[in-house]
Amino acid sequence: MLSVLDSQWKDHLLSMDHLKEGIGLRGYGQHDPLVEYKRESFEMFEAMLQRFQEDTVRYLYLMQILERPPDAAAAGPQPGAGAGQGSDPGVPAQLGGDGNGRRPPRMVATSADDLEEAFMRRKRRELEQARMAGGGDQQTVQQVVRSQEKVGRNDPCPCGSGKKYKKCHGA
C-alpha cells in the first residue's frame, strides 16, 4: 500500500508542476490565476486520494495469503529436503509450473515474527557480504603535523609580498 501511495504522490506532484506552468494563462481569460490554481489543485488532490483508495482496495482484493502446512511448520526443515528449497527456508524454489508459463504460488510468511525473522536473516547476510567486501588491508592514516604555526587569513603572507594571506596565497 505504501508503494501505491508513493506512486500516486509522485504522479500528483508531476501534475502540480504542469498546472503551475500553465496557470498564468488563466489571467488572459479574465480569471484570477491564484483562485484557479487553488481550485484545480484541490480537485487534483481529491482525485489522487480517490485513485489511492481504489488502487489500495484493488491490491487488497487481489492479494493471496497462503498458510504453511501445519505439519511442515511444526516439523522444521528436513535434512534431505534442502534440494527443493530456495535461499530462505519456508519458501520453495521456483521449479517450474503447470507448463502454461504460470509459476506455482510461493509460500509466504504471514506472521509478524516470521517476517521479522526473514528480514533479520537478510540483513545479517548483507552485513556479512559487506564485511567480506571491505575486509581488505586496513592502512592507518598518518596525521599531518605542521612545522610552522598556522597562518591566519588576515595575517601578512609568509611569502613576503606584504599582502594579506587571503589576498595572496589564501585564494
Protein backbone atom coordinates (compact mmCIF):
# COMPACT_ATOMS: atom_id res chain seq x y z
CA MET A 1 0.00 0.00 0.00
CA LEU A 2 2.94 2.27 0.64
CA SER A 3 4.14 1.79 -2.92
CA VAL A 4 0.66 2.70 -4.19
CA LEU A 5 0.68 5.89 -2.13
CA ASP A 6 4.22 6.70 -3.25
CA SER A 7 3.44 6.30 -6.94
CA GLN A 8 0.20 8.28 -6.65
CA TRP A 9 2.00 11.07 -4.78
CA LYS A 10 4.76 11.25 -7.44
CA ASP A 11 2.12 11.48 -10.17
CA HIS A 12 0.32 14.18 -8.21
CA LEU A 13 3.50 16.25 -7.82
CA LEU A 14 4.18 15.96 -11.54
CA SER A 15 0.62 17.10 -12.29
CA MET A 16 1.04 20.03 -9.91
CA ASP A 17 4.18 21.10 -11.79
CA HIS A 18 2.28 21.03 -15.07
CA LEU A 19 -0.56 23.02 -13.51
CA LYS A 20 1.87 25.60 -12.14
CA GLU A 21 3.44 26.09 -15.57
CA GLY A 22 0.16 26.77 -17.35
CA ILE A 23 -1.87 28.58 -14.70
CA GLY A 24 -0.62 32.03 -15.72
CA LEU A 25 -2.59 31.80 -18.96
CA ARG A 26 -5.85 31.90 -16.99
CA GLY A 27 -5.34 35.63 -16.46
CA TYR A 28 -5.93 36.19 -20.18
CA GLY A 29 -9.36 34.65 -19.75
CA GLN A 30 -10.26 37.17 -17.01
CA HIS A 31 -9.90 34.55 -14.24
CA ASP A 32 -7.77 35.06 -11.14
CA PRO A 33 -4.83 32.63 -11.55
CA LEU A 34 -4.43 32.17 -7.78
CA VAL A 35 -8.07 31.20 -7.29
CA GLU A 36 -7.95 28.88 -10.31
CA TYR A 37 -4.73 27.27 -9.04
CA LYS A 38 -6.22 26.62 -5.61
CA ARG A 39 -9.42 25.21 -7.08
CA GLU A 40 -7.76 22.93 -9.62
CA SER A 41 -5.05 21.76 -7.23
CA PHE A 42 -7.69 20.79 -4.67
CA GLU A 43 -9.60 18.86 -7.33
CA MET A 44 -6.39 17.12 -8.38
CA PHE A 45 -5.61 16.22 -4.75
CA GLU A 46 -9.08 14.73 -4.24
CA ALA A 47 -8.72 12.75 -7.46
CA MET A 48 -5.33 11.45 -6.23
CA LEU A 49 -6.89 10.33 -2.95
CA GLN A 50 -9.70 8.59 -4.84
CA ARG A 51 -7.18 6.75 -7.07
CA PHE A 52 -5.18 5.77 -3.98
CA GLN A 53 -8.26 4.30 -2.33
CA GLU A 54 -9.25 2.43 -5.49
CA ASP A 55 -5.75 1.00 -6.04
CA THR A 56 -5.44 0.01 -2.38
CA VAL A 57 -8.75 -1.84 -2.47
CA ARG A 58 -7.75 -3.50 -5.75
CA TYR A 59 -4.45 -4.74 -4.27
CA LEU A 60 -6.13 -5.92 -1.09
CA TYR A 61 -8.79 -7.71 -3.10
CA LEU A 62 -6.25 -9.48 -5.33
CA MET A 63 -3.81 -10.33 -2.51
CA GLN A 64 -3.46 -14.01 -1.75
CA ILE A 65 -2.07 -15.11 1.61
CA LEU A 66 -1.08 -18.73 1.79
CA GLU A 67 -0.54 -20.50 5.07
CA ARG A 68 2.20 -23.01 5.62
CA PRO A 69 1.10 -26.60 6.05
CA PRO A 70 0.90 -27.27 9.81
CA ASP A 71 2.95 -30.48 9.63
CA ALA A 72 5.84 -28.83 7.72
CA ALA A 73 5.94 -25.79 10.03
CA ALA A 74 5.95 -27.93 13.21
CA ALA A 75 8.45 -30.50 11.98
CA GLY A 76 11.03 -27.89 10.93
CA PRO A 77 13.39 -28.21 7.97
CA GLN A 78 14.12 -31.77 6.92
CA PRO A 79 17.79 -32.72 6.38
CA GLY A 80 17.22 -34.13 2.89
CA ALA A 81 14.61 -31.55 1.87
CA GLY A 82 17.13 -28.83 1.03
CA ALA A 83 17.24 -29.64 -2.69
CA GLY A 84 13.86 -28.13 -3.50
CA GLN A 85 14.16 -25.17 -1.17
CA GLY A 86 15.05 -21.62 -2.13
CA SER A 87 17.51 -19.42 -0.30
CA ASP A 88 15.06 -18.80 2.56
CA PRO A 89 13.53 -21.68 4.49
CA GLY A 90 9.78 -21.98 4.04
CA VAL A 91 9.92 -20.53 0.53
CA PRO A 92 10.15 -23.27 -2.09
CA ALA A 93 12.32 -22.67 -5.12
CA GLN A 94 10.57 -21.98 -8.40
CA LEU A 95 10.99 -25.32 -10.12
CA GLY A 96 8.53 -24.98 -12.91
CA GLY A 97 4.79 -24.63 -13.07
CA ASP A 98 1.89 -26.09 -14.89
CA GLY A 99 3.51 -25.73 -18.33
CA ASN A 100 1.47 -22.65 -19.25
CA GLY A 101 4.00 -20.13 -18.06
CA ARG A 102 2.42 -19.82 -14.63
CA ARG A 103 4.51 -20.47 -11.57
CA PRO A 104 3.20 -22.24 -8.50
CA PRO A 105 2.33 -19.86 -5.64
CA ARG A 106 5.14 -19.18 -3.20
CA MET A 107 4.80 -19.92 0.47
CA VAL A 108 4.80 -16.55 2.22
CA ALA A 109 5.33 -15.77 5.86
CA THR A 110 2.11 -14.49 7.36
CA SER A 111 3.01 -13.72 10.95
CA ALA A 112 4.96 -10.67 12.03
CA ASP A 113 7.54 -12.86 13.75
CA ASP A 114 8.24 -14.79 10.53
CA LEU A 115 8.55 -11.57 8.55
CA GLU A 116 10.89 -10.04 11.13
CA GLU A 117 12.99 -13.20 11.24
CA ALA A 118 13.34 -13.24 7.44
CA PHE A 119 14.23 -9.53 7.47
CA MET A 120 16.90 -10.00 10.16
CA ARG A 121 18.32 -13.02 8.30
CA ARG A 122 18.61 -10.99 5.11
CA LYS A 123 20.24 -8.07 6.94
CA ARG A 124 22.77 -10.37 8.62
CA ARG A 125 23.62 -11.86 5.21
CA GLU A 126 24.09 -8.35 3.73
CA LEU A 127 26.31 -7.31 6.65
CA GLU A 128 28.46 -10.40 6.22
CA GLN A 129 28.83 -9.66 2.50
CA ALA A 130 29.74 -6.05 3.27
CA ARG A 131 32.36 -7.19 5.79
CA MET A 132 33.82 -9.60 3.27
CA ALA A 133 33.94 -6.91 0.56
CA GLY A 134 35.55 -4.30 2.83
CA GLY A 135 37.78 -6.69 4.75
CA GLY A 136 40.95 -5.92 2.76
CA ASP A 137 44.14 -4.34 4.04
CA GLN A 138 43.45 -1.62 6.57
CA GLN A 139 46.11 1.10 6.39
CA THR A 140 46.45 3.53 9.24
CA VAL A 141 46.07 7.18 8.34
CA GLN A 142 49.03 9.32 9.38
CA GLN A 143 48.22 12.70 10.85
CA VAL A 144 49.87 15.69 9.18
CA VAL A 145 51.99 17.76 11.57
CA ARG A 146 52.79 21.38 10.69
CA SER A 147 56.34 22.60 11.13
CA GLN A 148 55.21 26.23 11.48
CA GLU A 149 52.26 27.92 13.12
CA LYS A 150 49.07 28.21 11.05
CA VAL A 151 48.74 31.47 9.11
CA GLY A 152 45.53 33.41 9.72
CA ARG A 153 43.54 34.84 6.82
CA ASN A 154 44.22 38.46 7.78
CA ASP A 155 47.90 37.94 8.76
CA PRO A 156 50.66 39.07 6.37
CA CYS A 157 51.53 36.42 3.80
CA PRO A 158 54.68 34.43 4.68
CA CYS A 159 55.99 34.79 1.12
CA GLY A 160 56.99 38.40 1.90
CA SER A 161 54.72 40.17 -0.61
CA GLY A 162 53.21 42.41 2.06
CA LYS A 163 49.69 41.42 1.14
CA LYS A 164 47.23 39.71 3.45
CA TYR A 165 47.35 35.93 3.21
CA LYS A 166 43.74 35.77 1.93
CA LYS A 167 44.61 38.10 -0.99
CA CYS A 168 47.92 36.41 -1.84
CA HIS A 169 48.14 32.66 -1.33
CA GLY A 170 44.90 32.04 0.54
CA ALA A 171 42.66 32.33 -2.52
